[in-house]
Amino acid sequence: MILQRLFRLSSVLQSAISVSLRRNIGVTAVAFNKELDPVQKLFVDKIREYRTKRQTSGGPVDAGPEYQQDLDRELFKLKQMYGKADMNTFPNFTFEDPKFEVVEKPQS
């Protein structure tokens, strides 16, 4: 009787361990696979290509002269509306503390 229970318990443990190992091996096999699938590889290659183009151009990638004209036109409009300040820098704000007067409370 005790021997049968022991065998049953060992078979349950063995099946639980084998299921756990199969799951863990399946998860780690994906993690250890260093190669990307073709779509991921193409996506990563395009991102890297864009980064090198951006670094060499120093600005927007594949922007023609019409882009620069539109940008200059919009900056000109903003300068006319909001003043002649440089629109490419953030403005500096200076706040002064208000000066309060001390008013004595009348004695009653």
N, C-alpha and C. Protein backbone atom coordinates (compact mmCIF):
# COMPACT_ATOMS: atom_id res chain seq x y z
N MET A 1 0.82 -1.18 0.00
CA MET A 1 0.00 0.00 0.00
C MET A 1 0.87 1.26 0.00
N ILE A 2 1.80 1.30 0.91
CA ILE A 2 2.68 2.45 1.00
C ILE A 2 3.56 2.52 -0.25
N LEU A 3 3.95 1.38 -0.72
CA LEU A 3 4.79 1.33 -1.90
C LEU A 3 4.04 1.85 -3.14
N GLN A 4 2.77 1.52 -3.26
CA GLN A 4 1.97 2.01 -4.38
C GLN A 4 1.81 3.54 -4.32
N ARG A 5 1.58 4.05 -3.13
CA ARG A 5 1.46 5.50 -2.96
C ARG A 5 2.77 6.20 -3.33
N LEU A 6 3.86 5.60 -2.94
CA LEU A 6 5.15 6.16 -3.27
C LEU A 6 5.38 6.19 -4.78
N PHE A 7 5.02 5.13 -5.47
CA PHE A 7 5.17 5.10 -6.93
C PHE A 7 4.25 6.12 -7.59
N ARG A 8 3.01 6.24 -7.07
CA ARG A 8 2.09 7.22 -7.62
C ARG A 8 2.62 8.64 -7.42
N LEU A 9 3.14 8.90 -6.23
CA LEU A 9 3.70 10.22 -5.93
C LEU A 9 4.90 10.51 -6.81
N SER A 10 5.74 9.52 -7.01
CA SER A 10 6.92 9.74 -7.84
C SER A 10 6.53 9.97 -9.30
N SER A 11 5.48 9.29 -9.80
CA SER A 11 5.06 9.53 -11.18
C SER A 11 4.45 10.91 -11.33
N VAL A 12 3.73 11.41 -10.32
CA VAL A 12 3.17 12.76 -10.36
C VAL A 12 4.29 13.79 -10.35
N LEU A 13 5.28 13.59 -9.50
CA LEU A 13 6.43 14.50 -9.45
C LEU A 13 7.19 14.47 -10.77
N GLN A 14 7.36 13.29 -11.32
CA GLN A 14 8.09 13.18 -12.58
C GLN A 14 7.36 13.92 -13.70
N SER A 15 6.05 13.79 -13.78
CA SER A 15 5.30 14.49 -14.84
C SER A 15 5.34 16.00 -14.63
N ALA A 16 5.24 16.45 -13.37
CA ALA A 16 5.29 17.89 -13.09
C ALA A 16 6.66 18.45 -13.45
N ILE A 17 7.70 17.73 -13.13
CA ILE A 17 9.06 18.19 -13.44
C ILE A 17 9.28 18.21 -14.95
N SER A 18 8.79 17.19 -15.65
CA SER A 18 9.00 17.16 -17.10
C SER A 18 8.23 18.30 -17.78
N VAL A 19 7.02 18.62 -17.31
CA VAL A 19 6.27 19.73 -17.88
C VAL A 19 7.00 21.04 -17.62
N SER A 20 7.49 21.20 -16.41
CA SER A 20 8.21 22.43 -16.05
C SER A 20 9.48 22.57 -16.89
N LEU A 21 10.22 21.52 -17.07
CA LEU A 21 11.43 21.58 -17.88
C LEU A 21 11.12 21.89 -19.34
N ARG A 22 10.07 21.28 -19.87
CA ARG A 22 9.71 21.56 -21.26
C ARG A 22 9.35 23.03 -21.44
N ARG A 23 8.60 23.58 -20.50
CA ARG A 23 8.22 24.99 -20.61
C ARG A 23 9.44 25.90 -20.51
N ASN A 24 10.32 25.61 -19.56
CA ASN A 24 11.49 26.45 -19.37
C ASN A 24 12.44 26.36 -20.56
N ILE A 25 12.60 25.18 -21.10
CA ILE A 25 13.48 25.03 -22.25
C ILE A 25 12.89 25.77 -23.45
N GLY A 26 11.57 25.73 -23.61
CA GLY A 26 10.93 26.45 -24.71
C GLY A 26 11.12 27.94 -24.60
N VAL A 27 11.04 28.48 -23.40
CA VAL A 27 11.21 29.92 -23.20
C VAL A 27 12.66 30.33 -23.38
N THR A 28 13.58 29.58 -22.82
CA THR A 28 14.99 29.96 -22.91
C THR A 28 15.56 29.74 -24.31
N ALA A 29 14.98 28.83 -25.07
CA ALA A 29 15.47 28.62 -26.44
C ALA A 29 15.26 29.87 -27.27
N VAL A 30 14.13 30.53 -27.07
CA VAL A 30 13.87 31.78 -27.79
C VAL A 30 14.81 32.87 -27.31
N ALA A 31 15.06 32.93 -26.01
CA ALA A 31 15.92 33.97 -25.45
C ALA A 31 17.37 33.80 -25.90
N PHE A 32 17.82 32.59 -26.05
CA PHE A 32 19.21 32.36 -26.43
C PHE A 32 19.43 32.39 -27.94
N ASN A 33 18.38 32.45 -28.70
CA ASN A 33 18.50 32.52 -30.15
C ASN A 33 18.91 33.94 -30.52
N LYS A 34 20.11 34.12 -30.98
CA LYS A 34 20.64 35.45 -31.26
C LYS A 34 20.22 35.97 -32.63
N GLU A 35 19.81 35.11 -33.52
CA GLU A 35 19.44 35.55 -34.85
C GLU A 35 18.01 36.09 -34.84
N LEU A 36 17.81 37.17 -35.57
CA LEU A 36 16.48 37.75 -35.70
C LEU A 36 15.78 37.14 -36.90
N ASP A 37 14.45 37.17 -36.86
CA ASP A 37 13.77 36.72 -38.06
C ASP A 37 13.94 37.78 -39.15
N PRO A 38 13.67 37.47 -40.39
CA PRO A 38 13.97 38.40 -41.50
C PRO A 38 13.27 39.75 -41.38
N VAL A 39 12.04 39.78 -40.88
CA VAL A 39 11.32 41.04 -40.76
C VAL A 39 11.97 41.92 -39.69
N GLN A 40 12.31 41.32 -38.55
CA GLN A 40 12.99 42.08 -37.49
C GLN A 40 14.33 42.59 -37.97
N LYS A 41 15.06 41.76 -38.68
CA LYS A 41 16.38 42.16 -39.18
C LYS A 41 16.25 43.33 -40.16
N LEU A 42 15.26 43.28 -41.05
CA LEU A 42 15.03 44.37 -42.00
C LEU A 42 14.67 45.65 -41.26
N PHE A 43 13.83 45.54 -40.24
CA PHE A 43 13.43 46.72 -39.46
C PHE A 43 14.63 47.34 -38.74
N VAL A 44 15.45 46.52 -38.11
CA VAL A 44 16.62 47.03 -37.39
C VAL A 44 17.62 47.64 -38.38
N ASP A 45 17.79 47.03 -39.55
CA ASP A 45 18.69 47.59 -40.56
C ASP A 45 18.21 48.96 -41.03
N LYS A 46 16.90 49.13 -41.23
CA LYS A 46 16.37 50.42 -41.65
C LYS A 46 16.55 51.49 -40.58
N ILE A 47 16.38 51.12 -39.33
CA ILE A 47 16.60 52.07 -38.23
C ILE A 47 18.05 52.51 -38.19
N ARG A 48 18.96 51.58 -38.35
CA ARG A 48 20.39 51.92 -38.35
C ARG A 48 20.75 52.79 -39.55
N GLU A 49 20.17 52.49 -40.71
CA GLU A 49 20.42 53.29 -41.91
C GLU A 49 19.90 54.72 -41.71
N TYR A 50 18.73 54.84 -41.13
CA TYR A 50 18.16 56.17 -40.86
C TYR A 50 19.05 56.95 -39.89
N ARG A 51 19.57 56.27 -38.86
CA ARG A 51 20.44 56.94 -37.89
C ARG A 51 21.70 57.48 -38.55
N THR A 52 22.31 56.69 -39.44
CA THR A 52 23.52 57.18 -40.11
C THR A 52 23.20 58.34 -41.05
N LYS A 53 22.06 58.27 -41.75
CA LYS A 53 21.67 59.39 -42.61
C LYS A 53 21.42 60.64 -41.80
N ARG A 54 20.79 60.48 -40.66
CA ARG A 54 20.48 61.64 -39.80
C ARG A 54 21.77 62.27 -39.27
N GLN A 55 22.73 61.43 -38.89
CA GLN A 55 23.99 61.96 -38.38
C GLN A 55 24.78 62.68 -39.47
N THR A 56 24.75 62.18 -40.69
CA THR A 56 25.51 62.83 -41.77
C THR A 56 24.85 64.11 -42.24
N SER A 57 23.50 64.13 -42.25
CA SER A 57 22.82 65.33 -42.74
C SER A 57 22.75 66.41 -41.67
N GLY A 58 22.75 66.04 -40.41
CA GLY A 58 22.69 67.02 -39.33
C GLY A 58 21.31 67.60 -39.12
N GLY A 59 20.31 67.05 -39.76
CA GLY A 59 18.94 67.54 -39.64
C GLY A 59 17.97 66.50 -40.14
N PRO A 60 16.84 66.95 -40.66
CA PRO A 60 15.87 65.98 -41.18
C PRO A 60 16.42 65.21 -42.37
N VAL A 61 16.04 63.95 -42.45
CA VAL A 61 16.53 63.08 -43.51
C VAL A 61 15.65 63.24 -44.75
N ASP A 62 16.27 63.29 -45.90
CA ASP A 62 15.60 63.38 -47.20
C ASP A 62 14.69 64.62 -47.30
N ALA A 63 15.10 65.70 -46.67
CA ALA A 63 14.34 66.95 -46.77
C ALA A 63 14.93 67.79 -47.90
N GLY A 64 14.08 68.20 -48.81
CA GLY A 64 14.54 68.99 -49.94
C GLY A 64 14.55 70.47 -49.61
N PRO A 65 14.83 71.31 -50.62
CA PRO A 65 14.86 72.75 -50.39
C PRO A 65 13.49 73.32 -50.03
N GLU A 66 12.41 72.66 -50.47
CA GLU A 66 11.08 73.16 -50.12
C GLU A 66 10.81 73.05 -48.63
N TYR A 67 11.42 72.05 -47.98
CA TYR A 67 11.27 71.92 -46.53
C TYR A 67 11.89 73.14 -45.83
N GLN A 68 13.08 73.50 -46.22
CA GLN A 68 13.76 74.65 -45.61
C GLN A 68 12.98 75.94 -45.88
N GLN A 69 12.42 76.09 -47.08
CA GLN A 69 11.62 77.27 -47.39
C GLN A 69 10.37 77.33 -46.51
N ASP A 70 9.70 76.20 -46.34
CA ASP A 70 8.52 76.16 -45.47
C ASP A 70 8.88 76.48 -44.03
N LEU A 71 10.00 75.95 -43.57
CA LEU A 71 10.44 76.22 -42.21
C LEU A 71 10.74 77.71 -42.02
N ASP A 72 11.45 78.31 -42.97
CA ASP A 72 11.76 79.75 -42.88
C ASP A 72 10.49 80.59 -42.91
N ARG A 73 9.54 80.21 -43.75
CA ARG A 73 8.29 80.95 -43.85
C ARG A 73 7.50 80.90 -42.53
N GLU A 74 7.44 79.70 -41.92
CA GLU A 74 6.70 79.56 -40.65
C GLU A 74 7.41 80.30 -39.52
N LEU A 75 8.74 80.26 -39.49
CA LEU A 75 9.47 81.01 -38.47
C LEU A 75 9.27 82.52 -38.64
N PHE A 76 9.19 82.97 -39.88
CA PHE A 76 8.93 84.39 -40.14
C PHE A 76 7.55 84.79 -39.62
N LYS A 77 6.55 83.94 -39.85
CA LYS A 77 5.20 84.21 -39.35
C LYS A 77 5.19 84.29 -37.82
N LEU A 78 5.88 83.35 -37.19
CA LEU A 78 5.93 83.35 -35.72
C LEU A 78 6.62 84.59 -35.18
N LYS A 79 7.69 85.03 -35.86
CA LYS A 79 8.39 86.23 -35.41
C LYS A 79 7.50 87.45 -35.56
N GLN A 80 6.69 87.51 -36.60
CA GLN A 80 5.79 88.64 -36.76
C GLN A 80 4.70 88.65 -35.70
N MET A 81 4.21 87.47 -35.35
CA MET A 81 3.13 87.39 -34.36
C MET A 81 3.62 87.62 -32.94
N TYR A 82 4.77 87.03 -32.59
CA TYR A 82 5.20 87.02 -31.20
C TYR A 82 6.45 87.84 -30.93
N GLY A 83 6.87 88.64 -31.82
CA GLY A 83 8.04 89.48 -31.57
C GLY A 83 9.23 89.02 -32.36
N LYS A 84 10.30 89.76 -32.21
CA LYS A 84 11.50 89.51 -33.02
C LYS A 84 12.51 88.61 -32.31
N ALA A 85 12.07 87.86 -31.34
CA ALA A 85 12.99 87.00 -30.59
C ALA A 85 13.41 85.80 -31.44
N ASP A 86 14.47 85.16 -31.02
CA ASP A 86 14.95 83.97 -31.71
C ASP A 86 14.02 82.81 -31.38
N MET A 87 13.40 82.21 -32.38
CA MET A 87 12.42 81.15 -32.16
C MET A 87 13.06 79.78 -31.93
N ASN A 88 14.35 79.67 -32.09
CA ASN A 88 15.00 78.37 -31.91
C ASN A 88 15.52 78.17 -30.50
N THR A 89 15.43 79.19 -29.64
CA THR A 89 15.88 79.05 -28.26
C THR A 89 14.70 79.28 -27.32
N PHE A 90 14.76 78.65 -26.19
CA PHE A 90 13.71 78.81 -25.20
C PHE A 90 13.91 80.14 -24.48
N PRO A 91 12.85 80.90 -24.26
CA PRO A 91 13.01 82.22 -23.64
C PRO A 91 13.41 82.10 -22.17
N ASN A 92 14.11 83.13 -21.70
CA ASN A 92 14.50 83.20 -20.30
C ASN A 92 13.48 84.05 -19.55
N PHE A 93 12.97 83.53 -18.48
CA PHE A 93 12.00 84.25 -17.66
C PHE A 93 12.66 84.66 -16.36
N THR A 94 12.40 85.87 -15.94
CA THR A 94 12.87 86.32 -14.63
C THR A 94 11.66 86.79 -13.84
N PHE A 95 11.51 86.25 -12.68
CA PHE A 95 10.39 86.61 -11.82
C PHE A 95 10.95 87.26 -10.57
N GLU A 96 10.38 88.39 -10.21
CA GLU A 96 10.79 89.07 -8.99
C GLU A 96 9.72 88.88 -7.94
N ASP A 97 10.16 88.77 -6.72
CA ASP A 97 9.20 88.64 -5.63
C ASP A 97 8.48 89.96 -5.43
N PRO A 98 7.18 89.90 -5.20
CA PRO A 98 6.46 91.16 -4.96
C PRO A 98 6.86 91.76 -3.62
N LYS A 99 6.79 93.07 -3.53
CA LYS A 99 7.12 93.76 -2.29
C LYS A 99 5.82 94.06 -1.55
N PHE A 100 5.72 93.53 -0.37
CA PHE A 100 4.52 93.72 0.44
C PHE A 100 4.76 94.82 1.46
N GLU A 101 3.70 95.55 1.73
CA GLU A 101 3.77 96.56 2.78
C GLU A 101 3.25 95.95 4.06
N VAL A 102 3.90 96.31 5.13
CA VAL A 102 3.44 95.84 6.43
C VAL A 102 2.42 96.86 6.93
N VAL A 103 1.22 96.40 7.16
CA VAL A 103 0.16 97.28 7.63
C VAL A 103 -0.16 96.86 9.06
N GLU A 104 -0.09 97.87 9.94
CA GLU A 104 -0.40 97.58 11.34
C GLU A 104 -1.89 97.47 11.53
N LYS A 105 -2.28 96.48 12.29
CA LYS A 105 -3.68 96.30 12.59
C LYS A 105 -4.08 97.29 13.68
N PRO A 106 -5.16 98.02 13.44
CA PRO A 106 -5.55 99.02 14.47
C PRO A 106 -5.94 98.32 15.77
N GLN A 107 -5.52 98.95 16.84
CA GLN A 107 -5.85 98.41 18.18
C GLN A 107 -7.27 98.80 18.55
N SER A 108 -8.05 97.89 19.03
CA SER A 108 -9.40 98.26 19.44
C SER A 108 -9.67 97.93 20.88
